[in-house]
Amino acid sequence: MNYSMYLCVAAATVGRTDSAEETPPEVALGDALAPTLQGLKRFLEEFVCKPGNPQATLELEQQMRTLTQEVARVGIEWAYNRVEPSQVAALPVHVVFEGDLYTRLKRKTPQEVATTFGKIRLWRVGYRPTHRTGEPTI
């Protein structure tokens, strides 16, 4: 990987938090996408300011693929984390699954999930078996 690709990846991941946070971040979609979109804009502007050649064209296309995949990954993460209500109290305290009663946990927990566009941090409320049956949390 050449220097510009490292720069591309760095620009695409600015603002990402990979630490185990206590609560899911509440970020507007535009704010989540901004660092990567700025990287896209910068690479296109740099490309048109230089003389065109096959190597520069190939590098631009590779950078654009990486950055557009990152835009999709960030967008998917943002959307998936809004499927469930942000307030844990809005969810039912108990659910029945395959005949067993489960009790809601007090807060959302993060899991790393693989998607078509890369790994995302997915925040969900888990439900633990109410009667300690040894079943896993759902």
N, C-alpha and C. Protein backbone atom coordinates (compact mmCIF):
# COMPACT_ATOMS: atom_id res chain seq x y z
N MET A 1 0.85 -1.17 0.00
CA MET A 1 0.00 0.00 0.00
C MET A 1 0.90 1.23 0.00
N ASN A 2 0.61 2.18 -0.88
CA ASN A 2 1.44 3.38 -0.95
C ASN A 2 0.98 4.41 0.09
N TYR A 3 1.77 5.47 0.22
CA TYR A 3 1.51 6.49 1.23
C TYR A 3 0.11 7.09 1.11
N SER A 4 -0.32 7.35 -0.12
CA SER A 4 -1.63 7.98 -0.29
C SER A 4 -2.76 7.09 0.18
N MET A 5 -2.58 5.77 0.09
CA MET A 5 -3.62 4.86 0.58
C MET A 5 -3.68 4.90 2.11
N TYR A 6 -2.51 4.99 2.77
CA TYR A 6 -2.52 5.13 4.23
C TYR A 6 -3.23 6.42 4.64
N LEU A 7 -2.96 7.48 3.90
CA LEU A 7 -3.60 8.75 4.16
C LEU A 7 -5.11 8.64 3.95
N CYS A 8 -5.49 7.91 2.92
CA CYS A 8 -6.90 7.69 2.60
C CYS A 8 -7.60 6.98 3.75
N VAL A 9 -7.00 5.92 4.25
CA VAL A 9 -7.59 5.16 5.35
C VAL A 9 -7.65 6.02 6.60
N ALA A 10 -6.61 6.80 6.85
CA ALA A 10 -6.60 7.68 8.02
C ALA A 10 -7.73 8.70 7.91
N ALA A 11 -7.91 9.29 6.74
CA ALA A 11 -8.97 10.27 6.55
C ALA A 11 -10.34 9.63 6.72
N ALA A 12 -10.47 8.40 6.28
CA ALA A 12 -11.76 7.72 6.35
C ALA A 12 -12.15 7.35 7.76
N THR A 13 -11.18 7.22 8.65
CA THR A 13 -11.49 6.77 9.99
C THR A 13 -11.38 7.86 11.04
N VAL A 14 -11.16 9.10 10.63
CA VAL A 14 -11.10 10.21 11.57
C VAL A 14 -12.43 10.31 12.30
N GLY A 15 -12.36 10.44 13.59
CA GLY A 15 -13.59 10.59 14.36
C GLY A 15 -14.21 9.29 14.82
N ARG A 16 -13.70 8.14 14.35
CA ARG A 16 -14.24 6.86 14.81
C ARG A 16 -13.80 6.61 16.22
N THR A 17 -14.68 6.02 16.99
CA THR A 17 -14.32 5.63 18.34
C THR A 17 -14.44 4.12 18.43
N ASP A 18 -13.35 3.49 18.80
CA ASP A 18 -13.36 2.04 18.92
C ASP A 18 -13.25 1.59 20.37
N SER A 19 -13.39 2.51 21.29
CA SER A 19 -13.30 2.13 22.69
C SER A 19 -14.65 1.59 23.15
N ALA A 20 -14.62 0.88 24.25
CA ALA A 20 -15.86 0.33 24.81
C ALA A 20 -16.57 1.44 25.56
N GLU A 21 -17.44 2.15 24.91
CA GLU A 21 -18.16 3.25 25.51
C GLU A 21 -19.29 2.71 26.37
N GLU A 22 -19.76 3.53 27.29
CA GLU A 22 -20.83 3.12 28.18
C GLU A 22 -22.20 3.20 27.50
N THR A 23 -22.37 4.18 26.63
CA THR A 23 -23.65 4.35 25.94
C THR A 23 -23.39 4.59 24.46
N PRO A 24 -24.36 4.26 23.63
CA PRO A 24 -24.17 4.50 22.19
C PRO A 24 -24.11 5.99 21.91
N PRO A 25 -23.26 6.39 20.99
CA PRO A 25 -23.17 7.82 20.67
C PRO A 25 -24.40 8.29 19.90
N GLU A 26 -24.85 9.48 20.21
CA GLU A 26 -25.96 10.09 19.48
C GLU A 26 -25.36 11.11 18.51
N VAL A 27 -25.15 10.69 17.29
CA VAL A 27 -24.50 11.53 16.29
C VAL A 27 -25.44 11.70 15.11
N ALA A 28 -25.53 12.92 14.61
CA ALA A 28 -26.33 13.17 13.41
C ALA A 28 -25.67 12.49 12.22
N LEU A 29 -26.46 12.07 11.25
CA LEU A 29 -25.93 11.39 10.08
C LEU A 29 -24.88 12.22 9.37
N GLY A 30 -25.13 13.50 9.17
CA GLY A 30 -24.17 14.37 8.50
C GLY A 30 -22.84 14.43 9.24
N ASP A 31 -22.89 14.48 10.56
CA ASP A 31 -21.66 14.51 11.37
C ASP A 31 -20.91 13.20 11.27
N ALA A 32 -21.62 12.09 11.21
CA ALA A 32 -20.97 10.78 11.10
C ALA A 32 -20.27 10.62 9.75
N LEU A 33 -20.89 11.13 8.70
CA LEU A 33 -20.34 10.98 7.35
C LEU A 33 -19.31 12.05 6.98
N ALA A 34 -19.29 13.16 7.68
CA ALA A 34 -18.47 14.31 7.30
C ALA A 34 -16.99 14.01 7.09
N PRO A 35 -16.30 13.31 8.00
CA PRO A 35 -14.86 13.10 7.77
C PRO A 35 -14.57 12.34 6.47
N THR A 36 -15.34 11.33 6.18
CA THR A 36 -15.10 10.56 4.97
C THR A 36 -15.47 11.35 3.73
N LEU A 37 -16.57 12.09 3.77
CA LEU A 37 -16.95 12.90 2.62
C LEU A 37 -15.92 14.00 2.36
N GLN A 38 -15.33 14.54 3.42
CA GLN A 38 -14.27 15.53 3.24
C GLN A 38 -13.06 14.90 2.56
N GLY A 39 -12.74 13.64 2.93
CA GLY A 39 -11.65 12.92 2.28
C GLY A 39 -11.93 12.70 0.80
N LEU A 40 -13.15 12.33 0.46
CA LEU A 40 -13.54 12.16 -0.94
C LEU A 40 -13.32 13.46 -1.72
N LYS A 41 -13.82 14.53 -1.16
CA LYS A 41 -13.71 15.83 -1.81
C LYS A 41 -12.24 16.21 -2.02
N ARG A 42 -11.43 16.02 -0.99
CA ARG A 42 -10.03 16.39 -1.08
C ARG A 42 -9.30 15.59 -2.15
N PHE A 43 -9.52 14.27 -2.22
CA PHE A 43 -8.84 13.45 -3.22
C PHE A 43 -9.25 13.83 -4.64
N LEU A 44 -10.52 14.14 -4.84
CA LEU A 44 -10.97 14.57 -6.17
C LEU A 44 -10.36 15.91 -6.55
N GLU A 45 -10.34 16.85 -5.60
CA GLU A 45 -9.76 18.16 -5.89
C GLU A 45 -8.26 18.05 -6.19
N GLU A 46 -7.55 17.20 -5.46
CA GLU A 46 -6.12 17.01 -5.71
C GLU A 46 -5.88 16.38 -7.09
N PHE A 47 -6.75 15.47 -7.47
CA PHE A 47 -6.59 14.78 -8.75
C PHE A 47 -6.69 15.75 -9.93
N VAL A 48 -7.68 16.63 -9.90
CA VAL A 48 -7.89 17.53 -11.03
C VAL A 48 -6.83 18.63 -11.11
N CYS A 49 -6.08 18.84 -10.05
CA CYS A 49 -5.02 19.87 -10.04
C CYS A 49 -3.68 19.34 -10.56
N LYS A 50 -3.59 18.05 -10.82
CA LYS A 50 -2.34 17.45 -11.28
C LYS A 50 -2.50 16.98 -12.72
N PRO A 51 -1.37 16.83 -13.43
CA PRO A 51 -1.46 16.26 -14.79
C PRO A 51 -1.96 14.81 -14.72
N GLY A 52 -2.86 14.47 -15.61
CA GLY A 52 -3.41 13.12 -15.64
C GLY A 52 -2.43 12.11 -16.21
N ASN A 53 -2.41 10.94 -15.61
CA ASN A 53 -1.62 9.83 -16.14
C ASN A 53 -2.27 8.54 -15.65
N PRO A 54 -1.95 7.41 -16.27
CA PRO A 54 -2.59 6.15 -15.88
C PRO A 54 -2.39 5.78 -14.41
N GLN A 55 -1.20 6.01 -13.87
CA GLN A 55 -0.93 5.65 -12.47
C GLN A 55 -1.78 6.49 -11.52
N ALA A 56 -1.85 7.80 -11.79
CA ALA A 56 -2.66 8.69 -10.93
C ALA A 56 -4.14 8.32 -11.01
N THR A 57 -4.58 7.93 -12.20
CA THR A 57 -5.97 7.53 -12.37
C THR A 57 -6.28 6.26 -11.59
N LEU A 58 -5.39 5.29 -11.66
CA LEU A 58 -5.57 4.05 -10.90
C LEU A 58 -5.61 4.33 -9.41
N GLU A 59 -4.69 5.16 -8.92
CA GLU A 59 -4.65 5.48 -7.50
C GLU A 59 -5.93 6.19 -7.06
N LEU A 60 -6.41 7.11 -7.89
CA LEU A 60 -7.65 7.81 -7.56
C LEU A 60 -8.81 6.81 -7.45
N GLU A 61 -8.92 5.91 -8.41
CA GLU A 61 -10.02 4.93 -8.37
C GLU A 61 -9.93 4.03 -7.15
N GLN A 62 -8.72 3.64 -6.78
CA GLN A 62 -8.56 2.80 -5.59
C GLN A 62 -8.94 3.58 -4.33
N GLN A 63 -8.52 4.83 -4.27
CA GLN A 63 -8.87 5.66 -3.11
C GLN A 63 -10.37 5.89 -3.03
N MET A 64 -10.99 6.11 -4.19
CA MET A 64 -12.44 6.34 -4.21
C MET A 64 -13.19 5.09 -3.76
N ARG A 65 -12.72 3.92 -4.17
CA ARG A 65 -13.37 2.68 -3.74
C ARG A 65 -13.28 2.55 -2.22
N THR A 66 -12.10 2.80 -1.66
CA THR A 66 -11.92 2.69 -0.21
C THR A 66 -12.81 3.69 0.53
N LEU A 67 -12.83 4.92 0.06
CA LEU A 67 -13.61 5.95 0.74
C LEU A 67 -15.12 5.74 0.57
N THR A 68 -15.58 5.32 -0.60
CA THR A 68 -17.02 5.09 -0.76
C THR A 68 -17.48 3.90 0.07
N GLN A 69 -16.62 2.90 0.21
CA GLN A 69 -16.96 1.77 1.09
C GLN A 69 -17.05 2.24 2.54
N GLU A 70 -16.17 3.15 2.92
CA GLU A 70 -16.21 3.69 4.29
C GLU A 70 -17.46 4.53 4.50
N VAL A 71 -17.87 5.31 3.50
CA VAL A 71 -19.13 6.06 3.61
C VAL A 71 -20.29 5.09 3.84
N ALA A 72 -20.32 4.01 3.08
CA ALA A 72 -21.38 3.01 3.23
C ALA A 72 -21.31 2.34 4.61
N ARG A 73 -20.12 2.02 5.08
CA ARG A 73 -19.97 1.37 6.39
C ARG A 73 -20.47 2.28 7.51
N VAL A 74 -20.07 3.55 7.46
CA VAL A 74 -20.50 4.51 8.48
C VAL A 74 -22.02 4.72 8.40
N GLY A 75 -22.56 4.82 7.20
CA GLY A 75 -24.01 4.99 7.04
C GLY A 75 -24.80 3.81 7.55
N ILE A 76 -24.33 2.60 7.26
CA ILE A 76 -25.00 1.38 7.74
C ILE A 76 -24.97 1.33 9.26
N GLU A 77 -23.81 1.63 9.84
CA GLU A 77 -23.70 1.63 11.30
C GLU A 77 -24.67 2.63 11.91
N TRP A 78 -24.73 3.82 11.34
CA TRP A 78 -25.63 4.86 11.84
C TRP A 78 -27.09 4.38 11.76
N ALA A 79 -27.48 3.82 10.61
CA ALA A 79 -28.87 3.39 10.41
C ALA A 79 -29.24 2.22 11.31
N TYR A 80 -28.39 1.21 11.38
CA TYR A 80 -28.69 0.03 12.20
C TYR A 80 -28.82 0.39 13.67
N ASN A 81 -28.06 1.37 14.13
CA ASN A 81 -28.13 1.74 15.54
C ASN A 81 -29.35 2.58 15.87
N ARG A 82 -30.14 2.93 14.87
CA ARG A 82 -31.37 3.67 15.12
C ARG A 82 -32.63 2.84 14.91
N VAL A 83 -32.46 1.56 14.63
CA VAL A 83 -33.62 0.67 14.47
C VAL A 83 -34.32 0.47 15.80
N GLU A 84 -33.57 0.33 16.85
CA GLU A 84 -34.09 0.13 18.20
C GLU A 84 -34.23 1.49 18.87
N PRO A 85 -35.26 1.71 19.69
CA PRO A 85 -35.41 3.01 20.37
C PRO A 85 -34.16 3.35 21.18
N SER A 86 -33.80 4.63 21.23
CA SER A 86 -32.61 5.04 21.97
C SER A 86 -32.82 4.93 23.48
N GLN A 87 -34.05 5.07 23.93
CA GLN A 87 -34.35 4.95 25.36
C GLN A 87 -34.66 3.49 25.71
N VAL A 88 -33.84 2.92 26.57
CA VAL A 88 -34.01 1.51 26.96
C VAL A 88 -35.37 1.30 27.60
N ALA A 89 -35.85 2.27 28.37
CA ALA A 89 -37.13 2.15 29.05
C ALA A 89 -38.31 2.02 28.08
N ALA A 90 -38.13 2.39 26.83
CA ALA A 90 -39.20 2.29 25.83
C ALA A 90 -39.41 0.85 25.37
N LEU A 91 -38.49 -0.03 25.71
CA LEU A 91 -38.58 -1.44 25.29
C LEU A 91 -39.27 -2.26 26.38
N PRO A 92 -39.89 -3.38 26.01
CA PRO A 92 -40.55 -4.20 27.03
C PRO A 92 -39.55 -4.76 28.05
N VAL A 93 -39.99 -4.85 29.31
CA VAL A 93 -39.14 -5.38 30.37
C VAL A 93 -38.94 -6.88 30.19
N HIS A 94 -39.98 -7.57 29.74
CA HIS A 94 -39.91 -9.02 29.56
C HIS A 94 -40.36 -9.39 28.14
N VAL A 95 -39.73 -10.41 27.58
CA VAL A 95 -40.16 -10.98 26.31
C VAL A 95 -40.14 -12.50 26.43
N VAL A 96 -40.96 -13.14 25.61
CA VAL A 96 -40.97 -14.60 25.56
C VAL A 96 -40.34 -15.01 24.24
N PHE A 97 -39.35 -15.90 24.32
CA PHE A 97 -38.68 -16.40 23.13
C PHE A 97 -38.54 -17.91 23.26
N GLU A 98 -39.09 -18.63 22.29
CA GLU A 98 -39.08 -20.09 22.28
C GLU A 98 -39.55 -20.68 23.61
N GLY A 99 -40.61 -20.07 24.16
CA GLY A 99 -41.23 -20.58 25.37
C GLY A 99 -40.55 -20.18 26.67
N ASP A 100 -39.45 -19.46 26.61
CA ASP A 100 -38.74 -19.02 27.81
C ASP A 100 -38.93 -17.52 28.01
N LEU A 101 -39.00 -17.12 29.30
CA LEU A 101 -39.16 -15.72 29.64
C LEU A 101 -37.77 -15.08 29.79
N TYR A 102 -37.59 -13.90 29.18
CA TYR A 102 -36.32 -13.17 29.23
C TYR A 102 -36.58 -11.78 29.80
N THR A 103 -35.62 -11.27 30.57
CA THR A 103 -35.72 -9.95 31.19
C THR A 103 -34.71 -9.01 30.56
N ARG A 104 -35.16 -7.79 30.29
CA ARG A 104 -34.31 -6.79 29.64
C ARG A 104 -33.15 -6.37 30.53
N LEU A 105 -31.97 -6.18 29.92
CA LEU A 105 -30.83 -5.61 30.62
C LEU A 105 -31.05 -4.12 30.79
N LYS A 106 -30.29 -3.49 31.67
CA LYS A 106 -30.51 -2.08 31.99
C LYS A 106 -29.97 -1.10 30.96
N ARG A 107 -29.03 -1.54 30.11
CA ARG A 107 -28.45 -0.61 29.14
C ARG A 107 -28.08 -1.35 27.86
N LYS A 108 -27.86 -0.56 26.84
CA LYS A 108 -27.42 -1.14 25.56
C LYS A 108 -25.95 -1.54 25.68
N THR A 109 -25.60 -2.60 25.00
CA THR A 109 -24.21 -3.04 24.98
C THR A 109 -23.75 -3.11 23.52
N PRO A 110 -22.46 -2.83 23.30
CA PRO A 110 -21.95 -2.85 21.93
C PRO A 110 -21.47 -4.25 21.52
N GLN A 111 -21.70 -4.58 20.28
CA GLN A 111 -21.14 -5.78 19.68
C GLN A 111 -20.52 -5.37 18.35
N GLU A 112 -19.45 -6.05 17.98
CA GLU A 112 -18.86 -5.80 16.67
C GLU A 112 -19.50 -6.78 15.70
N VAL A 113 -20.03 -6.24 14.60
CA VAL A 113 -20.76 -7.03 13.63
C VAL A 113 -20.14 -6.83 12.25
N ALA A 114 -19.94 -7.91 11.53
CA ALA A 114 -19.40 -7.83 10.17
C ALA A 114 -20.54 -7.55 9.20
N THR A 115 -20.33 -6.58 8.31
CA THR A 115 -21.30 -6.28 7.26
C THR A 115 -20.58 -6.35 5.91
N THR A 116 -21.32 -6.18 4.86
CA THR A 116 -20.75 -6.15 3.52
C THR A 116 -19.68 -5.07 3.39
N PHE A 117 -19.82 -3.98 4.14
CA PHE A 117 -18.92 -2.84 4.01
C PHE A 117 -17.82 -2.80 5.06
N GLY A 118 -17.79 -3.76 5.95
CA GLY A 118 -16.79 -3.79 7.01
C GLY A 118 -17.45 -3.94 8.36
N LYS A 119 -16.63 -4.00 9.39
CA LYS A 119 -17.14 -4.18 10.75
C LYS A 119 -17.74 -2.89 11.28
N ILE A 120 -18.85 -3.04 12.00
CA ILE A 120 -19.50 -1.91 12.63
C ILE A 120 -19.70 -2.21 14.11
N ARG A 121 -19.93 -1.16 14.88
CA ARG A 121 -20.27 -1.30 16.30
C ARG A 121 -21.78 -1.16 16.40
N LEU A 122 -22.43 -2.23 16.81
CA LEU A 122 -23.89 -2.27 16.91
C LEU A 122 -24.28 -2.27 18.38
N TRP A 123 -25.11 -1.30 18.77
CA TRP A 123 -25.56 -1.17 20.15
C TRP A 123 -26.98 -1.75 20.26
N ARG A 124 -27.15 -2.72 21.11
CA ARG A 124 -28.46 -3.35 21.30
C ARG A 124 -28.72 -3.62 22.78
N VAL A 125 -30.00 -3.68 23.12
CA VAL A 125 -30.41 -4.08 24.47
C VAL A 125 -30.56 -5.59 24.46
N GLY A 126 -29.91 -6.23 25.38
CA GLY A 126 -30.01 -7.68 25.49
C GLY A 126 -31.10 -8.09 26.47
N TYR A 127 -31.53 -9.31 26.33
CA TYR A 127 -32.50 -9.90 27.25
C TYR A 127 -31.89 -11.18 27.81
N ARG A 128 -31.81 -11.27 29.14
CA ARG A 128 -31.22 -12.41 29.83
C ARG A 128 -32.35 -13.34 30.30
N PRO A 129 -32.11 -14.66 30.30
CA PRO A 129 -33.15 -15.58 30.79
C PRO A 129 -33.56 -15.21 32.22
N THR A 130 -34.85 -15.04 32.43
CA THR A 130 -35.37 -14.63 33.74
C THR A 130 -35.12 -15.70 34.79
N HIS A 131 -35.26 -16.95 34.41
CA HIS A 131 -35.18 -18.04 35.38
C HIS A 131 -33.83 -18.74 35.37
N ARG A 132 -32.79 -18.09 34.92
CA ARG A 132 -31.42 -18.63 34.93
C ARG A 132 -31.37 -20.07 34.40
N THR A 133 -31.86 -20.22 33.18
CA THR A 133 -31.92 -21.55 32.58
C THR A 133 -30.60 -21.93 31.91
N GLY A 134 -29.65 -21.02 31.88
CA GLY A 134 -28.38 -21.30 31.21
C GLY A 134 -28.41 -20.93 29.75
N GLU A 135 -29.54 -20.47 29.28
CA GLU A 135 -29.64 -20.03 27.87
C GLU A 135 -28.86 -18.73 27.71
N PRO A 136 -28.33 -18.46 26.52
CA PRO A 136 -27.58 -17.22 26.32
C PRO A 136 -28.50 -16.00 26.27
N THR A 137 -27.89 -14.85 26.48
CA THR A 137 -28.62 -13.59 26.37
C THR A 137 -28.99 -13.38 24.90
N ILE A 138 -30.21 -12.89 24.68
CA ILE A 138 -30.64 -12.62 23.30
C ILE A 138 -30.77 -11.12 23.11
